[in-house]
Amino acid sequence: MPTAYVLLNTEIGSEREVLQTIKGVDGVQEAFNLWGVYDIIARVKADTMDKLTQIINQRLQVSKVHGKLTMVITET
């Protein structure tokens, strides 16, 4: 199953709201607030790479998210 970690930058003060929204997205396994350059990290899993891409590019498009960095895990 394809898995990715997604780091999100949010509007100042909207971290909790965005975190709750992200946790409700189908495919998000877990999500946490961070301190540092990024505000939230989410682990996303899907049955196929196409579904994973759709979740990241469409469902994680939240209005108060200003930036996103995605790291797809490769199986060795």
C-alpha atoms as a PDB file:
ATOM      1  CA  MET A   1       0.000   0.000   0.000  1.00  0.00           C
ATOM      2  CA  PRO A   2       1.455   3.380  -0.967  1.00  0.00           C
ATOM      3  CA  THR A   3       2.137   5.610   2.036  1.00  0.00           C
ATOM      4  CA  ALA A   4       3.262   9.209   2.295  1.00  0.00           C
ATOM      5  CA  TYR A   5       4.073  11.723   4.978  1.00  0.00           C
ATOM      6  CA  VAL A   6       2.695  15.183   4.272  1.00  0.00           C
ATOM      7  CA  LEU A   7       4.012  18.292   6.025  1.00  0.00           C
ATOM      8  CA  LEU A   8       1.649  21.279   6.078  1.00  0.00           C
ATOM      9  CA  ASN A   9       2.098  25.014   6.722  1.00  0.00           C
ATOM     10  CA  THR A  10      -1.047  26.682   8.024  1.00  0.00           C
ATOM     11  CA  GLU A  11      -2.338  30.171   8.704  1.00  0.00           C
ATOM     12  CA  ILE A  12      -1.175  31.398  12.100  1.00  0.00           C
ATOM     13  CA  GLY A  13      -3.678  30.348  14.759  1.00  0.00           C
ATOM     14  CA  SER A  14      -5.513  27.824  12.577  1.00  0.00           C
ATOM     15  CA  GLU A  15      -3.394  24.778  13.427  1.00  0.00           C
ATOM     16  CA  ARG A  16      -5.998  23.023  15.594  1.00  0.00           C
ATOM     17  CA  GLU A  17      -8.817  23.612  13.124  1.00  0.00           C
ATOM     18  CA  VAL A  18      -6.758  22.318  10.197  1.00  0.00           C
ATOM     19  CA  LEU A  19      -5.565  19.328  12.247  1.00  0.00           C
ATOM     20  CA  GLN A  20      -9.146  18.304  13.044  1.00  0.00           C
ATOM     21  CA  THR A  21     -10.130  18.666   9.388  1.00  0.00           C
ATOM     22  CA  ILE A  22      -7.125  16.640   8.207  1.00  0.00           C
ATOM     23  CA  LYS A  23      -7.840  13.858  10.731  1.00  0.00           C
ATOM     24  CA  GLY A  24     -11.317  13.472   9.208  1.00  0.00           C
ATOM     25  CA  VAL A  25     -10.010  12.831   5.694  1.00  0.00           C
ATOM     26  CA  ASP A  26     -10.358   9.235   4.509  1.00  0.00           C
ATOM     27  CA  GLY A  27      -6.854   7.821   4.053  1.00  0.00           C
ATOM     28  CA  VAL A  28      -5.202   9.895   6.780  1.00  0.00           C
ATOM     29  CA  GLN A  29      -3.900   7.333   9.255  1.00  0.00           C
ATOM     30  CA  GLU A  30      -2.670   9.837  11.825  1.00  0.00           C
ATOM     31  CA  ALA A  31      -1.826  13.532  12.066  1.00  0.00           C
ATOM     32  CA  PHE A  32       0.006  15.654  14.626  1.00  0.00           C
ATOM     33  CA  ASN A  33       0.831  19.298  15.346  1.00  0.00           C
ATOM     34  CA  LEU A  34       4.507  20.199  15.036  1.00  0.00           C
ATOM     35  CA  TRP A  35       6.785  22.957  16.248  1.00  0.00           C
ATOM     36  CA  GLY A  36       9.175  24.262  13.641  1.00  0.00           C
ATOM     37  CA  VAL A  37       9.056  25.073   9.948  1.00  0.00           C
ATOM     38  CA  TYR A  38       5.896  22.998   9.384  1.00  0.00           C
ATOM     39  CA  ASP A  39       2.769  23.039  11.545  1.00  0.00           C
ATOM     40  CA  ILE A  40       1.250  19.596  10.887  1.00  0.00           C
ATOM     41  CA  ILE A  41       2.458  16.181   9.764  1.00  0.00           C
ATOM     42  CA  ALA A  42       0.051  13.560   8.427  1.00  0.00           C
ATOM     43  CA  ARG A  43       0.589   9.934   7.431  1.00  0.00           C
ATOM     44  CA  VAL A  44      -1.563   9.087   4.424  1.00  0.00           C
ATOM     45  CA  LYS A  45      -2.222   5.593   3.045  1.00  0.00           C
ATOM     46  CA  ALA A  46      -4.190   4.397   0.022  1.00  0.00           C
ATOM     47  CA  ASP A  47      -4.732   1.249  -2.042  1.00  0.00           C
ATOM     48  CA  THR A  48      -3.033   2.664  -5.137  1.00  0.00           C
ATOM     49  CA  MET A  49      -0.646   5.454  -6.001  1.00  0.00           C
ATOM     50  CA  ASP A  50      -3.436   7.184  -7.961  1.00  0.00           C
ATOM     51  CA  LYS A  51      -5.684   7.201  -4.881  1.00  0.00           C
ATOM     52  CA  LEU A  52      -2.816   8.440  -2.705  1.00  0.00           C
ATOM     53  CA  THR A  53      -2.168  11.283  -5.148  1.00  0.00           C
ATOM     54  CA  GLN A  54      -5.868  12.174  -5.202  1.00  0.00           C
ATOM     55  CA  ILE A  55      -6.061  12.324  -1.399  1.00  0.00           C
ATOM     56  CA  ILE A  56      -2.972  14.529  -1.149  1.00  0.00           C
ATOM     57  CA  ASN A  57      -3.795  16.859  -4.044  1.00  0.00           C
ATOM     58  CA  GLN A  58      -7.548  17.203  -3.543  1.00  0.00           C
ATOM     59  CA  ARG A  59      -8.726  16.174  -0.077  1.00  0.00           C
ATOM     60  CA  LEU A  60      -5.838  17.784   1.792  1.00  0.00           C
ATOM     61  CA  GLN A  61      -6.478  21.077  -0.048  1.00  0.00           C
ATOM     62  CA  VAL A  62      -7.729  22.975   3.002  1.00  0.00           C
ATOM     63  CA  SER A  63      -8.291  26.738   2.756  1.00  0.00           C
ATOM     64  CA  LYS A  64      -5.984  27.620   5.647  1.00  0.00           C
ATOM     65  CA  VAL A  65      -3.072  25.517   4.375  1.00  0.00           C
ATOM     66  CA  HIS A  66      -0.457  27.691   2.664  1.00  0.00           C
ATOM     67  CA  GLY A  67       2.188  25.099   1.851  1.00  0.00           C
ATOM     68  CA  LYS A  68       2.604  21.368   1.592  1.00  0.00           C
ATOM     69  CA  LEU A  69       5.595  19.020   1.292  1.00  0.00           C
ATOM     70  CA  THR A  70       4.926  15.375   0.423  1.00  0.00           C
ATOM     71  CA  MET A  71       7.344  12.496   0.954  1.00  0.00           C
ATOM     72  CA  VAL A  72       6.252   9.151  -0.488  1.00  0.00           C
ATOM     73  CA  ILE A  73       7.698   6.102   1.238  1.00  0.00           C
ATOM     74  CA  THR A  74       9.413   3.592  -1.003  1.00  0.00           C
ATOM     75  CA  GLU A  75       9.409  -0.099  -0.224  1.00  0.00           C
ATOM     76  CA  THR A  76      12.814  -1.787  -0.436  1.00  0.00           C
END
